[in-house]
Protein backbone atom coordinates (compact mmCIF):
# COMPACT_ATOMS: atom_id res chain seq x y z
CA MET A 1 -40.45 -11.63 51.65
CA ARG A 2 -38.56 -14.09 49.63
CA ASN A 3 -36.66 -11.58 47.71
CA THR A 4 -36.14 -9.41 50.67
CA VAL A 5 -34.37 -12.32 52.38
CA ILE A 6 -32.31 -13.05 49.26
CA PHE A 7 -31.13 -9.35 48.99
CA LEU A 8 -30.11 -9.34 52.92
CA SER A 9 -28.15 -12.53 52.10
CA GLY A 10 -26.53 -10.97 49.10
CA ALA A 11 -25.39 -7.98 51.04
CA SER A 12 -24.12 -10.20 53.83
CA LEU A 13 -22.18 -12.31 51.27
CA ILE A 14 -20.55 -9.22 49.63
CA ALA A 15 -19.66 -7.92 53.23
CA ALA A 16 -18.11 -11.43 54.18
CA LEU A 17 -15.94 -11.71 51.01
CA PRO A 18 -12.88 -9.76 52.52
CA THR A 19 -12.50 -12.22 55.38
CA LEU A 20 -12.84 -15.13 53.05
CA ALA A 21 -10.34 -13.73 50.70
CA LEU A 22 -7.81 -13.18 53.47
CA ALA A 23 -8.38 -16.63 54.80
CA GLN A 24 -7.73 -18.08 51.21
CA ALA A 25 -4.56 -15.92 51.01
CA GLY A 26 -3.34 -17.32 54.33
CA GLY A 27 -3.84 -20.93 53.29
CA GLY A 28 -3.07 -20.55 49.58
CA ALA A 29 0.31 -22.11 49.45
CA GLY A 30 -1.15 -25.64 49.07
CA ALA A 31 -3.71 -24.53 46.53
CA ALA A 32 -1.19 -22.74 44.27
CA GLY A 33 -0.59 -25.89 42.16
CA GLY A 34 -3.82 -25.86 40.29
CA SER A 35 -4.34 -26.70 36.63
CA GLN A 36 -2.22 -24.63 34.45
CA GLY A 37 -4.40 -22.10 32.42
CA LEU A 38 -7.37 -22.58 34.57
CA SER A 39 -9.12 -19.76 36.10
CA ILE A 40 -12.20 -19.78 38.44
CA ASN A 41 -13.94 -16.76 39.97
CA ALA A 42 -17.25 -16.12 41.65
CA SER A 43 -18.87 -12.69 41.67
CA ALA A 44 -21.93 -11.11 43.23
CA GLN A 45 -23.66 -7.82 42.29
CA LEU A 46 -26.19 -5.61 43.97
CA ARG A 47 -27.60 -3.14 41.59
CA HIS A 48 -30.40 -0.43 41.72
CA ASP A 49 -32.25 0.94 38.61
CA SER A 50 -34.50 3.82 38.79
CA ASN A 51 -36.42 2.50 35.71
CA ILE A 52 -35.78 -1.22 35.27
CA ALA A 53 -39.11 -1.33 33.10
CA ARG A 54 -37.33 0.61 30.53
CA THR A 55 -40.58 2.53 29.76
CA ASN A 56 -42.89 5.28 31.05
CA ALA A 57 -45.06 4.91 34.28
CA ALA A 58 -48.25 4.12 32.41
CA THR A 59 -46.78 1.28 30.40
CA ALA A 60 -45.00 -0.18 33.31
CA ALA A 61 -48.31 -0.30 35.30
CA GLN A 62 -49.94 -2.21 32.28
CA ARG A 63 -47.03 -4.60 32.30
CA GLY A 64 -47.46 -4.98 36.12
CA LEU A 65 -43.80 -4.03 36.85
CA HIS A 66 -42.24 -1.63 39.36
CA ARG A 67 -40.10 0.89 37.59
CA SER A 68 -37.74 1.26 40.51
CA ASP A 69 -36.06 -2.10 41.48
CA GLN A 70 -33.06 -3.74 43.05
CA LYS A 71 -31.26 -6.74 41.46
CA PHE A 72 -29.01 -9.31 43.13
CA SER A 73 -26.93 -11.24 40.61
CA PRO A 74 -24.50 -14.06 41.71
CA SER A 75 -22.56 -15.92 39.15
CA VAL A 76 -19.52 -18.45 38.65
CA ASN A 77 -17.06 -17.98 35.83
CA LEU A 78 -14.47 -20.19 34.26
CA SER A 79 -11.75 -19.81 31.80
CA LEU A 80 -9.30 -22.38 30.46
CA GLY A 81 -6.40 -22.04 28.04
CA LYS A 82 -4.62 -25.47 27.19
CA PRO A 83 -1.95 -25.60 24.69
CA PHE A 84 -0.86 -29.04 23.40
CA GLY A 85 2.10 -29.10 21.05
CA PRO A 86 1.60 -26.41 18.48
CA HIS A 87 -2.33 -26.48 18.97
CA ASN A 88 -4.37 -24.62 21.61
CA LEU A 89 -7.78 -25.15 23.27
CA THR A 90 -9.81 -22.53 25.00
CA VAL A 91 -12.83 -22.67 27.10
CA SER A 92 -14.93 -20.08 28.91
CA ALA A 93 -18.17 -20.40 30.88
CA SER A 94 -20.37 -18.30 33.08
CA ALA A 95 -23.55 -19.40 35.06
CA GLY A 96 -25.62 -17.05 37.08
CA TYR A 97 -29.03 -15.88 38.35
CA ASP A 98 -30.92 -12.59 38.51
CA PHE A 99 -33.16 -12.08 41.60
CA HIS A 100 -35.35 -9.00 41.67
CA ARG A 101 -36.74 -7.45 44.82
CA HIS A 102 -40.01 -6.39 43.26
CA ASN A 103 -40.25 -7.83 39.73
CA ASP A 104 -39.89 -11.53 40.43
CA ARG A 105 -41.35 -12.20 36.90
CA LEU A 106 -37.97 -11.10 35.59
CA ASP A 107 -35.92 -13.59 37.67
CA ARG A 108 -33.93 -15.40 35.16
CA GLU A 109 -30.86 -17.52 34.64
CA ARG A 110 -27.85 -16.10 32.74
CA ILE A 111 -25.77 -18.69 30.93
CA GLN A 112 -22.76 -18.01 28.62
CA GLY A 113 -20.29 -20.40 27.13
CA ALA A 114 -17.72 -20.62 24.40
CA ALA A 115 -14.98 -23.00 23.25
CA GLY A 116 -12.40 -22.74 20.50
CA LEU A 117 -9.84 -25.16 19.13
CA ALA A 118 -6.85 -23.70 17.06
CA LEU A 119 -4.75 -26.33 15.06
CA ASN A 120 -1.43 -25.57 13.62
CA LEU A 121 -1.05 -27.97 10.53
CA GLY A 122 2.01 -26.60 9.00
CA VAL A 123 0.98 -24.44 6.10
CA CYS A 124 -2.69 -24.27 7.13
CA ALA A 125 -4.33 -23.40 10.55
CA PRO A 126 -7.89 -24.34 10.88
CA THR A 127 -9.99 -23.15 13.84
CA PHE A 128 -13.26 -24.56 15.20
CA ASN A 129 -15.54 -22.58 17.67
CA GLY A 130 -18.80 -22.60 19.23
CA SER A 131 -20.86 -20.52 21.76
CA ILE A 132 -24.21 -20.39 23.67
CA SER A 133 -26.05 -17.73 25.75
CA ARG A 134 -29.34 -17.43 27.42
CA ARG A 135 -30.73 -14.33 29.24
CA GLN A 136 -33.65 -12.15 29.86
CA SER A 137 -34.61 -9.99 26.96
CA GLU A 138 -33.86 -6.17 27.12
CA LEU A 139 -37.05 -4.80 28.37
CA GLY A 140 -36.67 -1.53 26.34
CA GLU A 141 -37.26 -3.34 23.12
CA VAL A 142 -39.80 -6.10 24.14
CA ALA A 143 -43.17 -5.25 22.58
CA ASP A 144 -44.83 -6.62 19.56
CA THR A 145 -46.53 -4.50 16.95
CA PHE A 146 -50.04 -5.41 18.05
CA GLY A 147 -49.50 -3.55 21.27
CA ASN A 148 -49.26 -6.66 23.40
CA VAL A 149 -47.41 -5.32 26.62
CA GLN A 150 -47.45 -8.71 28.48
CA THR A 151 -44.41 -10.29 26.77
CA VAL A 152 -41.89 -9.20 29.15
CA GLY A 153 -41.07 -12.54 30.63
CA ASN A 154 -38.82 -13.90 27.88
CA ALA A 155 -35.54 -15.69 27.81
CA GLU A 156 -33.41 -15.36 24.59
CA THR A 157 -31.31 -18.14 23.66
CA SER A 158 -28.47 -18.08 21.09
CA TRP A 159 -25.98 -20.72 19.99
CA SER A 160 -23.52 -20.81 17.11
CA VAL A 161 -20.89 -23.13 15.60
CA GLY A 162 -18.25 -22.23 13.06
CA SER A 163 -14.93 -22.83 11.54
CA THR A 164 -12.27 -20.77 9.70
CA VAL A 165 -9.08 -21.80 7.90
CA SER A 166 -6.12 -19.66 6.80
CA CYS A 167 -3.01 -20.82 4.97
CA GLY A 168 0.25 -19.26 4.47
CA LYS A 169 3.41 -18.24 6.34
CA SER A 170 3.29 -15.97 9.28
CA PHE A 171 3.78 -12.88 7.06
CA GLY A 172 2.93 -12.39 3.46
CA LEU A 173 -0.19 -13.58 1.54
CA ARG A 174 -2.82 -15.56 3.54
CA PRO A 175 -6.06 -16.79 1.84
CA THR A 176 -8.91 -17.56 4.28
CA ALA A 177 -12.27 -19.22 4.26
CA GLY A 178 -14.86 -19.58 7.07
CA ILE A 179 -18.60 -20.66 7.78
CA THR A 180 -20.74 -19.88 10.96
CA TYR A 181 -24.23 -21.08 11.76
CA GLN A 182 -26.35 -19.26 14.48
CA ASP A 183 -29.59 -20.21 16.05
CA ASN A 184 -31.75 -17.62 17.88
CA SER A 185 -34.95 -18.29 19.89
CA ASN A 186 -37.34 -16.87 22.33
CA SER A 187 -39.08 -18.83 25.26
CA ASN A 188 -42.24 -16.69 25.16
CA ALA A 189 -44.71 -17.93 22.64
CA GLN A 190 -45.79 -14.43 21.63
CA ARG A 191 -42.18 -13.50 20.75
CA ARG A 192 -41.45 -16.54 18.62
CA GLY A 193 -42.16 -14.57 15.31
CA THR A 194 -38.63 -13.40 15.50
CA ASP A 195 -36.99 -16.63 15.90
CA LYS A 196 -34.29 -17.12 13.40
CA HIS A 197 -31.34 -18.97 12.16
CA ILE A 198 -28.48 -17.29 10.33
CA THR A 199 -25.63 -19.05 8.00
CA SER A 200 -22.56 -16.88 7.09
CA TYR A 201 -19.94 -17.55 4.63
CA GLN A 202 -16.72 -15.64 4.08
CA LEU A 203 -13.63 -15.61 1.80
CA GLY A 204 -10.71 -13.44 2.27
CA LEU A 205 -7.26 -12.65 1.18
CA GLY A 206 -4.92 -11.27 3.63
CA TYR A 207 -1.49 -9.77 3.52
CA VAL A 208 0.62 -9.49 6.80
CA HIS A 209 3.89 -7.72 7.22
CA PRO A 210 5.37 -6.37 10.44
CA SER A 211 6.09 -2.88 8.86
CA ILE A 212 2.78 -2.56 7.28
CA GLY A 213 0.15 -4.34 9.34
CA ASP A 214 -2.56 -6.85 8.59
CA ILE A 215 -4.68 -6.07 5.53
CA GLN A 216 -7.63 -8.32 4.56
CA LEU A 217 -9.67 -8.16 1.43
CA PHE A 218 -13.00 -10.22 2.04
CA ALA A 219 -16.38 -11.00 0.57
CA GLN A 220 -19.20 -12.29 2.96
CA GLN A 221 -22.71 -13.74 2.43
CA ARG A 222 -25.15 -13.87 5.47
CA ASP A 223 -28.45 -15.70 4.97
CA LEU A 224 -31.15 -14.98 7.61
CA ARG A 225 -34.28 -17.15 7.75
CA PHE A 226 -37.08 -16.80 10.23
CA ASP A 227 -38.54 -19.82 11.60
CA ASP A 228 -42.23 -18.66 11.34
CA LYS A 229 -42.21 -18.00 7.56
CA THR A 230 -45.97 -16.92 7.76
CA LEU A 231 -44.82 -13.52 8.88
CA GLN A 232 -41.64 -13.12 6.95
CA ARG A 233 -38.96 -15.33 5.26
CA GLY A 234 -35.88 -13.46 5.90
CA ASN A 235 -33.17 -11.69 3.80
CA ARG A 236 -29.79 -12.18 2.21
CA GLN A 237 -26.97 -9.87 2.95
CA ARG A 238 -23.68 -9.69 0.73
CA SER A 239 -20.71 -7.48 1.64
CA TYR A 240 -17.31 -6.87 -0.13
CA GLY A 241 -14.60 -4.74 1.84
CA VAL A 242 -11.19 -4.35 3.18
CA SER A 243 -10.00 -4.12 6.77
CA PHE A 244 -6.76 -2.98 8.16
CA THR A 245 -5.01 -3.40 11.47
CA ARG A 246 -1.83 -2.01 12.77
CA ASN A 247 0.15 -0.99 15.93
CA LEU A 248 0.92 2.73 15.37
CA GLY A 249 3.99 2.76 17.70
CA ALA A 250 4.20 1.50 21.16
CA ARG A 251 1.27 3.67 22.48
CA LEU A 252 -1.25 3.66 19.69
CA THR A 253 -3.06 0.69 18.03
CA GLY A 254 -5.95 0.73 15.70
CA ASN A 255 -8.07 -0.99 13.28
CA ALA A 256 -10.50 -0.01 10.47
CA SER A 257 -12.92 -1.68 7.99
CA ILE A 258 -15.10 -0.43 5.21
CA ASN A 259 -17.38 -2.44 2.85
CA TRP A 260 -20.08 -2.14 0.35
CA THR A 261 -23.26 -4.09 1.54
CA ASN A 262 -26.37 -5.25 -0.32
CA VAL A 263 -29.34 -6.41 1.85
CA LYS A 264 -32.02 -8.08 -0.26
CA PRO A 265 -35.16 -9.17 1.79
CA LEU A 266 -37.01 -12.24 0.54
CA ASP A 267 -40.33 -10.46 0.82
CA PRO A 268 -41.33 -7.93 -1.70
CA ASN A 269 -42.96 -5.55 0.82
CA VAL A 270 -39.68 -4.90 2.60
CA ARG A 271 -37.32 -2.24 1.54
CA SER A 272 -33.78 -3.38 0.51
CA PHE A 273 -30.47 -1.63 1.44
CA LYS A 274 -27.53 -0.84 -0.66
CA GLY A 275 -24.69 1.29 0.80
CA VAL A 276 -21.49 1.61 2.67
CA ASN A 277 -20.81 0.37 6.27
CA TRP A 278 -17.59 0.93 8.28
CA SER A 279 -15.88 0.39 11.68
CA GLY A 280 -12.93 1.91 13.36
CA ASN A 281 -11.17 1.50 16.81
CA LEU A 282 -8.28 3.40 18.34
CA SER A 283 -6.63 2.76 21.60
CA LEU A 284 -4.03 5.22 22.90
CA LYS A 285 -1.92 4.73 26.04
CA ALA A 286 -1.50 8.36 26.72
CA THR A 287 0.67 7.90 29.91
CA PRO A 288 1.61 4.84 31.89
CA ARG A 289 -1.45 5.45 33.97
CA ILE A 290 -4.04 6.89 31.28
CA GLN A 291 -5.52 4.82 28.46
CA VAL A 292 -8.08 6.15 26.00
CA GLN A 293 -10.28 4.31 23.62
CA ALA A 294 -12.52 5.50 20.74
CA SER A 295 -14.74 3.68 18.33
CA LEU A 296 -17.33 4.41 15.53
CA GLY A 297 -19.32 2.12 13.16
CA LYS A 298 -22.25 1.51 10.93
CA SER A 299 -23.54 -2.09 10.35
CA ILE A 300 -26.56 -4.17 9.49
CA THR A 301 -27.74 -6.13 12.29
CA SER A 302 -30.86 -8.06 13.47
CA SER A 303 -32.59 -8.28 16.94
CA LEU A 304 -34.54 -11.02 18.56
CA ALA A 305 -36.54 -8.47 20.75
CA VAL A 306 -37.51 -6.11 17.85
CA ASP A 307 -40.19 -7.22 15.30
CA SER A 308 -38.21 -6.27 12.11
CA ASN A 309 -36.59 -7.90 9.19
CA TYR A 310 -33.18 -6.03 9.84
CA ASN A 311 -31.84 -2.76 11.23
CA ILE A 312 -29.18 -0.18 10.26
CA SER A 313 -27.16 0.76 13.32
CA THR A 314 -24.68 3.62 13.53
CA ASN A 315 -22.78 4.18 16.85
CA TYR A 316 -19.79 5.92 18.19
CA GLY A 317 -18.25 6.04 21.76
CA ILE A 318 -15.15 7.05 23.81
CA SER A 319 -13.88 5.74 27.10
CA ALA A 320 -10.93 6.31 29.32
CA SER A 321 -9.13 4.61 32.21
CA TYR A 322 -6.96 6.06 34.88
CA ALA A 323 -4.74 3.92 37.31
CA VAL A 324 -5.08 6.03 40.61
CA SER A 325 -2.68 3.48 42.30
CA PRO A 326 -1.61 -0.17 41.91
CA ARG A 327 -4.83 -0.91 43.70
CA ILE A 328 -7.50 1.68 42.50
CA ASN A 329 -8.62 2.16 38.82
CA PHE A 330 -11.04 4.67 37.56
CA ASN A 331 -13.09 4.26 34.28
CA THR A 332 -15.74 6.51 32.45
CA GLY A 333 -17.19 6.52 29.01
CA TYR A 334 -20.01 7.78 26.66
CA SER A 335 -21.65 6.09 23.86
CA HIS A 336 -24.43 6.97 21.24
CA THR A 337 -26.38 4.57 19.19
CA LYS A 338 -28.82 5.26 16.42
CA ARG A 339 -30.85 2.64 14.67
CA ARG A 340 -33.42 2.39 11.71
CA PHE A 341 -35.57 -0.65 11.48
CA GLU A 342 -36.72 -2.15 8.26
CA GLY A 343 -39.55 -4.67 7.70
CA ASN A 344 -42.25 -4.91 10.24
CA LEU A 345 -43.05 -8.60 10.94
CA GLY A 346 -46.81 -9.60 10.10
CA PHE A 347 -49.52 -8.54 7.93
CA PHE A 348 -52.40 -6.19 8.83
CA ALA A 349 -55.81 -6.07 7.40
CA PRO A 350 -57.56 -2.74 7.00
CA GLY A 351 -58.52 -1.28 10.28
CA THR A 352 -56.01 -3.35 12.25
CA ALA A 353 -52.88 -1.19 11.80
CA PRO A 354 -49.96 -2.07 14.06
CA VAL A 355 -49.35 -0.03 17.16
CA ASN A 356 -46.01 0.75 18.97
CA LEU A 357 -44.29 -0.01 15.70
CA LEU A 358 -40.64 0.71 16.20
CA THR A 359 -39.02 2.23 13.06
CA ASN A 360 -36.05 4.28 14.60
CA ASP A 361 -34.51 5.01 17.97
CA LYS A 362 -31.35 6.56 19.44
CA LYS A 363 -29.79 5.99 22.87
CA ASP A 364 -27.18 7.97 24.73
CA SER A 365 -25.26 6.36 27.64
CA ILE A 366 -22.77 7.69 30.20
CA PHE A 367 -21.03 5.44 32.90
CA ALA A 368 -18.31 5.69 35.49
CA ALA A 369 -16.66 2.92 37.52
CA VAL A 370 -14.01 2.56 40.41
CA ASP A 371 -12.29 -0.81 40.90
CA TYR A 372 -10.57 -1.56 44.11
CA LEU A 373 -8.17 -4.60 44.39
CA PHE A 374 -8.54 -5.42 48.10
CA SER A 375 -6.27 -8.47 47.89
CA PRO A 376 -4.71 -10.55 44.90
CA LYS A 377 -7.86 -12.62 45.06
CA LEU A 378 -10.63 -10.09 45.66
CA LYS A 379 -11.76 -6.95 43.75
CA PHE A 380 -14.68 -4.66 44.38
CA ILE A 381 -16.36 -2.59 41.59
CA LEU A 382 -18.59 0.43 42.22
CA ASN A 383 -20.20 1.77 38.99
CA GLY A 384 -23.04 3.86 38.00
CA GLY A 385 -24.47 5.47 34.89
CA HIS A 386 -27.40 7.20 32.99
CA ASP A 387 -29.29 5.92 29.92
CA ALA A 388 -31.63 8.00 27.77
CA ARG A 389 -33.53 6.59 24.82
CA SER A 390 -35.90 8.36 22.38
CA ALA A 391 -37.75 6.59 19.48
CA ASN A 392 -40.46 7.33 16.95
CA ALA A 393 -43.15 5.84 19.41
CA ALA A 394 -43.26 7.33 23.01
CA PHE A 395 -43.83 3.82 24.14
CA TYR A 396 -40.16 3.25 23.87
CA ASP A 397 -38.85 6.50 25.35
CA TYR A 398 -37.18 6.17 28.79
CA LYS A 399 -34.51 7.44 31.05
CA ASN A 400 -32.90 5.34 33.79
CA ASN A 401 -30.10 5.78 36.32
CA TYR A 402 -28.27 3.00 37.95
CA VAL A 403 -25.80 2.27 40.48
CA GLY A 404 -24.21 -1.11 41.46
CA LEU A 405 -21.65 -2.74 43.72
CA THR A 406 -19.90 -5.81 42.52
CA ALA A 407 -17.38 -8.24 44.39
CA GLU A 408 -15.22 -10.59 42.47
CA LEU A 409 -13.36 -13.53 44.26
CA SER A 410 -10.70 -15.68 42.46
CA LEU A 411 -10.94 -19.27 43.60
């Protein structure tokens, strides 16, 4: 009953937003003199998922979850850009909550925040940044290797701080150096085996020229340590490579990166990795109304939700947008991701082999969305899509169709 009232209130809120937006537009002359660079907006989304449990019917029943569910997600977003002299401060923040009609165990706050300070000290330009996020774990990945299916109620919290400095003129050679620290944790006690912290160091030498582009030679070390060292200690990743960014004419922009990577786990029972990783992105403004983007990449990453030391991820995707009119915009796209997980967390005595051990998976996603600018302050977004995942263990296989309606109001 509680969530039914929430959903009816959410639907009423979205329906009432056009009147509120027009009222604001009519009386907006006195409010136009807000802080320069400050943007605040509120949004509300109603979304239906055919398989919000991200698993088969039997496993969803074990978890006590309804596969089909509706979710109402209100949020408030803020962004600020504040230049002072040659320096610049940026802040962004978002706070919201997810209400589920059936699966109220998954009701959870959504918090994101980031801040950056860029200084211009003549020859050198140091930057300082930090971020934090908290959200419900992706249900398609939450299951430990002992077969525990009751670990669905879990909030992931991640925060990071870092700094970089680059020296040199606006074009020519520019040496750079940076360091970043990340902390990642789970709220569910049964998921804390994947809690980790990561320290990354980077050195680089760049060359910037308007007719050539931005070329960067870099070396990076990434030290990952698990908090619970009785399961595993972590790994050390070293990468050496080159990246390139350039505007290829007025309509085409692109960037590419390639590096050789060596991942050395700190535990002897985990396989190491040595090989080449890459990434590439292209953006084409085919016509004044049509824009197309394509991307591909291979990288070494880690997950808070999956019980593994690290994973090798390969992905590619394409998307397009079409401006039907000044008020209506259409977007669509497709993506494919393939992952291989290395280093199962934990030790297993004879006769206690792990179950539901995720070693590899692949996921295909398609989506489409229509944006409608009702007024300068109000936008509606209707979107939908289909996700299909297959893995080595049938526990992780699922298909999901979704549709959602979002209203965004600028305050």
